[in-house]
Amino acid sequence: MGTPKRIALSWSGGKDCMMVFHMLKKQPVDIACLITTAPIETGRTFGHDEKMELIEAQSKALGVPVHFIRCRYDHYTEDFIRDLHELKKSFQLDGIAYGDIYTDAHFEWGENTAAAAGLAALFPLRAAPDQASRMLEEFIDTEYKALIIRTRKGSISPDFLGRTLDASFAADIAQTDCCPMGENGEYHTFVYDGPLFQHPISVRTGDVLESDASLRLELFL
């Protein structure tokens, strides 16, 4: 399979997929659509438990359509592959890009799902764990604006909720045991502005909601 020219981008709304978007826009690759999974059981995004309307706002601001895979928890991979087949035809795709950095299980899943749909899998951020600090600095230097919307209990202080990714955050996260990029799910973000946005997304913050595993800052348009 040759180098993909027309791809879908797996999209959570956070900094990692935004970095991939930024990188691919500098290459001879057409990002035909964004793909976000949204379980039928919740009606929110699978990756960050975020409102679908916030992902739609990013799609409009970036000028790229988003496709929501209305998956089921117990048939997640099956539903993902089903929609990939449909998207391959409708968007004439030859590849799909993911924002994973160094987790082998994520690479394996991405490669297998892409192959099942006859697509090439791309991992533009792939790097060794010791490169995470550098990657965070590179993201901050791009001047995209990302807000921390979710923290995992026992991994990172809830005081990080609501902070933006900037030099101060980079200095503080470096003093913890967390991966600076949150590759292990320590924290998640929502990107609301940056160089490739046609306009910023105005968001309001609400209550902090608690689940068994995490704390989440509610966002509103």
Protein backbone atom coordinates (compact mmCIF):
# COMPACT_ATOMS: atom_id res chain seq x y z
CA MET A 1 0.00 0.00 0.00
CA GLY A 2 1.52 3.34 -1.07
CA THR A 3 1.65 6.59 0.84
CA PRO A 4 -1.92 7.73 1.60
CA LYS A 5 -3.07 10.92 -0.10
CA ARG A 6 -6.64 11.23 1.15
CA ILE A 7 -7.25 10.36 4.76
CA ALA A 8 -9.60 10.46 7.71
CA LEU A 9 -8.31 11.69 11.06
CA SER A 10 -9.38 10.05 14.32
CA TRP A 11 -10.56 13.04 16.34
CA SER A 12 -11.07 13.39 20.10
CA GLY A 13 -11.04 17.18 20.16
CA GLY A 14 -7.80 17.35 22.14
CA LYS A 15 -4.21 18.36 21.61
CA ASP A 16 -2.87 15.10 20.11
CA CYS A 17 -5.25 14.98 17.16
CA MET A 18 -4.76 18.73 16.73
CA MET A 19 -1.00 18.17 16.46
CA VAL A 20 -1.60 15.53 13.79
CA PHE A 21 -3.93 17.89 11.90
CA HIS A 22 -1.30 20.65 12.04
CA MET A 23 1.47 18.31 10.85
CA LEU A 24 -0.51 16.80 7.98
CA LYS A 25 -1.58 20.20 6.68
CA LYS A 26 2.09 20.80 5.86
CA GLN A 27 2.25 17.62 3.76
CA PRO A 28 0.72 16.64 0.40
CA VAL A 29 -2.18 14.95 2.17
CA ASP A 30 -5.88 15.80 2.01
CA ILE A 31 -7.69 15.47 5.35
CA ALA A 32 -11.11 14.53 3.99
CA CYS A 33 -12.92 14.13 7.30
CA LEU A 34 -12.62 13.86 11.06
CA ILE A 35 -13.87 10.73 12.82
CA THR A 36 -15.20 10.82 16.38
CA THR A 37 -16.72 7.86 18.20
CA ALA A 38 -19.83 8.59 20.25
CA PRO A 39 -21.35 5.59 22.04
CA ILE A 40 -25.10 5.23 21.65
CA GLU A 41 -25.29 4.57 25.38
CA THR A 42 -24.04 8.06 26.33
CA GLY A 43 -24.51 10.37 23.36
CA ARG A 44 -21.13 11.90 24.20
CA THR A 45 -17.67 11.27 22.77
CA PHE A 46 -15.92 8.04 23.69
CA GLY A 47 -12.45 9.51 24.20
CA HIS A 48 -13.21 12.50 26.44
CA ASP A 49 -16.90 12.11 27.32
CA GLU A 50 -17.46 15.46 25.63
CA LYS A 51 -20.59 16.93 24.06
CA MET A 52 -20.92 16.19 20.34
CA GLU A 53 -21.81 19.84 19.66
CA LEU A 54 -18.33 20.89 20.81
CA ILE A 55 -16.73 18.54 18.27
CA GLU A 56 -19.08 19.92 15.61
CA ALA A 57 -17.90 23.43 16.51
CA GLN A 58 -14.28 22.37 15.98
CA SER A 59 -15.21 20.81 12.64
CA LYS A 60 -16.76 24.06 11.45
CA ALA A 61 -13.88 26.18 12.73
CA LEU A 62 -11.34 23.96 10.93
CA GLY A 63 -13.40 23.64 7.74
CA VAL A 64 -13.34 19.82 7.71
CA PRO A 65 -16.49 17.67 8.09
CA VAL A 66 -16.82 15.36 11.08
CA HIS A 67 -18.40 11.91 11.05
CA PHE A 68 -19.67 10.50 14.33
CA ILE A 69 -19.44 6.74 14.66
CA ARG A 70 -22.46 5.87 16.81
CA CYS A 71 -20.82 2.81 18.30
CA ARG A 72 -21.90 0.40 21.02
CA TYR A 73 -19.61 -0.35 23.94
CA ASP A 74 -19.82 -4.10 23.41
CA HIS A 75 -19.30 -3.82 19.63
CA TYR A 76 -16.92 -0.84 19.53
CA THR A 77 -14.33 -2.21 17.09
CA GLU A 78 -16.92 -3.87 14.88
CA ASP A 79 -18.89 -0.61 14.60
CA PHE A 80 -15.70 1.38 13.94
CA ILE A 81 -14.68 -0.88 11.05
CA ARG A 82 -18.21 -0.85 9.61
CA ASP A 83 -18.18 2.94 9.38
CA LEU A 84 -14.63 2.98 8.01
CA HIS A 85 -15.82 0.89 5.07
CA GLU A 86 -18.61 3.41 4.42
CA LEU A 87 -16.31 6.42 4.78
CA LYS A 88 -13.73 4.85 2.48
CA LYS A 89 -16.33 4.82 -0.29
CA SER A 90 -18.01 8.16 0.37
CA PHE A 91 -14.78 10.14 0.87
CA GLN A 92 -12.54 8.01 -1.39
CA LEU A 93 -10.11 7.43 1.46
CA ASP A 94 -6.87 5.51 1.30
CA GLY A 95 -5.72 6.05 4.88
CA ILE A 96 -6.60 6.99 8.44
CA ALA A 97 -4.40 8.89 10.90
CA TYR A 98 -4.33 8.47 14.66
CA GLY A 99 -2.85 10.62 17.43
CA ASP A 100 -1.21 7.88 19.49
CA ILE A 101 2.34 8.44 20.68
CA TYR A 102 3.94 5.36 22.25
CA THR A 103 1.35 2.86 23.48
CA ASP A 104 1.83 -0.40 21.58
CA ALA A 105 -1.73 -1.61 22.16
CA HIS A 106 -3.06 1.57 20.54
CA PHE A 107 -0.83 1.12 17.51
CA GLU A 108 -1.96 -2.48 17.12
CA TRP A 109 -5.64 -1.56 17.35
CA GLY A 110 -5.25 1.28 14.84
CA GLU A 111 -3.34 -0.85 12.38
CA ASN A 112 -5.84 -3.70 12.62
CA THR A 113 -8.94 -1.55 12.20
CA ALA A 114 -7.42 0.30 9.25
CA ALA A 115 -6.36 -2.94 7.58
CA ALA A 116 -9.84 -4.41 8.05
CA ALA A 117 -11.22 -1.55 5.96
CA GLY A 118 -8.41 -1.69 3.39
CA LEU A 119 -6.80 1.53 4.58
CA ALA A 120 -3.27 2.49 5.58
CA ALA A 121 -2.74 3.51 9.22
CA LEU A 122 -0.68 6.62 9.99
CA PHE A 123 0.77 7.56 13.37
CA PRO A 124 2.48 10.92 12.78
CA LEU A 125 3.21 11.49 16.49
CA ARG A 126 4.87 8.11 17.07
CA ALA A 127 7.84 8.62 19.38
CA ALA A 128 9.64 7.20 22.39
CA PRO A 129 8.27 8.03 25.86
CA ASP A 130 11.27 10.23 26.63
CA GLN A 131 10.22 12.56 23.79
CA ALA A 132 6.95 13.54 25.48
CA SER A 133 8.33 16.71 27.12
CA ARG A 134 9.68 17.92 23.81
CA MET A 135 6.36 17.20 22.10
CA LEU A 136 4.45 19.19 24.72
CA GLU A 137 6.80 22.13 24.16
CA GLU A 138 6.27 21.85 20.41
CA PHE A 139 2.50 21.90 20.84
CA ILE A 140 2.69 24.98 23.05
CA ASP A 141 4.95 26.68 20.49
CA THR A 142 2.32 26.19 17.76
CA GLU A 143 0.08 28.56 19.76
CA TYR A 144 -3.01 26.39 19.69
CA LYS A 145 -5.17 26.99 22.75
CA ALA A 146 -6.06 23.85 24.71
CA LEU A 147 -8.01 23.66 27.94
CA ILE A 148 -7.65 20.76 30.39
CA ILE A 149 -11.13 19.27 30.70
CA ARG A 150 -10.55 15.92 32.39
CA THR A 151 -8.12 14.46 34.93
CA ARG A 152 -7.75 10.87 36.06
CA LYS A 153 -8.00 10.21 39.78
CA GLY A 154 -4.81 9.06 41.39
CA SER A 155 -2.70 10.21 38.45
CA ILE A 156 -2.78 14.00 38.49
CA SER A 157 -4.09 16.72 40.78
CA PRO A 158 -7.60 18.01 39.99
CA ASP A 159 -6.11 21.48 40.36
CA PHE A 160 -5.00 21.11 36.74
CA LEU A 161 -8.62 21.18 35.56
CA GLY A 162 -9.39 24.36 33.64
CA ARG A 163 -5.76 25.24 32.98
CA THR A 164 -4.47 25.97 29.51
CA LEU A 165 -1.43 24.26 28.03
CA ASP A 166 1.31 26.85 28.32
CA ALA A 167 4.85 27.19 29.64
CA SER A 168 3.59 27.32 33.22
CA PHE A 169 1.68 24.07 32.77
CA ALA A 170 4.72 22.40 31.17
CA ALA A 171 6.85 23.39 34.16
CA ASP A 172 4.29 22.08 36.63
CA ILE A 173 3.58 18.77 34.87
CA ALA A 174 7.32 18.13 34.75
CA GLN A 175 7.29 18.03 38.57
CA THR A 176 4.85 15.09 38.57
CA ASP A 177 5.17 11.42 37.60
CA CYS A 178 2.72 11.90 34.72
CA CYS A 179 3.56 11.65 31.06
CA PRO A 180 3.81 15.30 29.98
CA MET A 181 1.54 14.52 27.02
CA GLY A 182 -0.93 12.53 29.10
CA GLU A 183 -0.45 9.48 26.87
CA ASN A 184 -1.62 7.21 29.69
CA GLY A 185 -4.88 9.12 30.12
CA GLU A 186 -3.67 11.31 32.99
CA TYR A 187 -5.42 14.33 31.49
CA HIS A 188 -7.44 15.31 28.42
CA THR A 189 -7.89 18.60 26.62
CA PHE A 190 -10.20 20.55 24.33
CA VAL A 191 -8.63 22.77 21.64
CA TYR A 192 -10.62 25.94 20.99
CA ASP A 193 -8.35 28.17 18.89
CA GLY A 194 -5.12 28.21 16.91
CA PRO A 195 -3.41 28.93 13.58
CA LEU A 196 -5.67 26.71 11.43
CA PHE A 197 -8.94 27.75 13.09
CA GLN A 198 -11.07 30.02 10.90
CA HIS A 199 -12.39 31.52 14.13
CA PRO A 200 -12.00 30.77 17.86
CA ILE A 201 -14.61 28.68 19.65
CA SER A 202 -16.10 30.56 22.57
CA VAL A 203 -16.64 28.13 25.45
CA ARG A 204 -17.91 28.58 28.99
CA THR A 205 -16.90 26.35 31.87
CA GLY A 206 -19.41 24.83 34.25
CA ASP A 207 -19.37 22.39 37.12
CA VAL A 208 -16.76 19.72 37.78
CA LEU A 209 -18.42 16.31 37.44
CA GLU A 210 -17.03 13.26 39.20
CA SER A 211 -17.05 9.64 38.04
CA ASP A 212 -15.41 6.55 39.49
CA ALA A 213 -12.17 7.15 37.57
CA SER A 214 -11.99 10.83 36.71
CA LEU A 215 -13.03 14.42 37.19
CA ARG A 216 -14.44 16.31 34.21
CA LEU A 217 -14.93 20.02 33.69
CA GLU A 218 -18.21 20.66 31.89
CA LEU A 219 -17.97 22.93 28.84
CA PHE A 220 -20.71 24.90 27.11
CA LEU A 221 -20.88 26.86 23.86
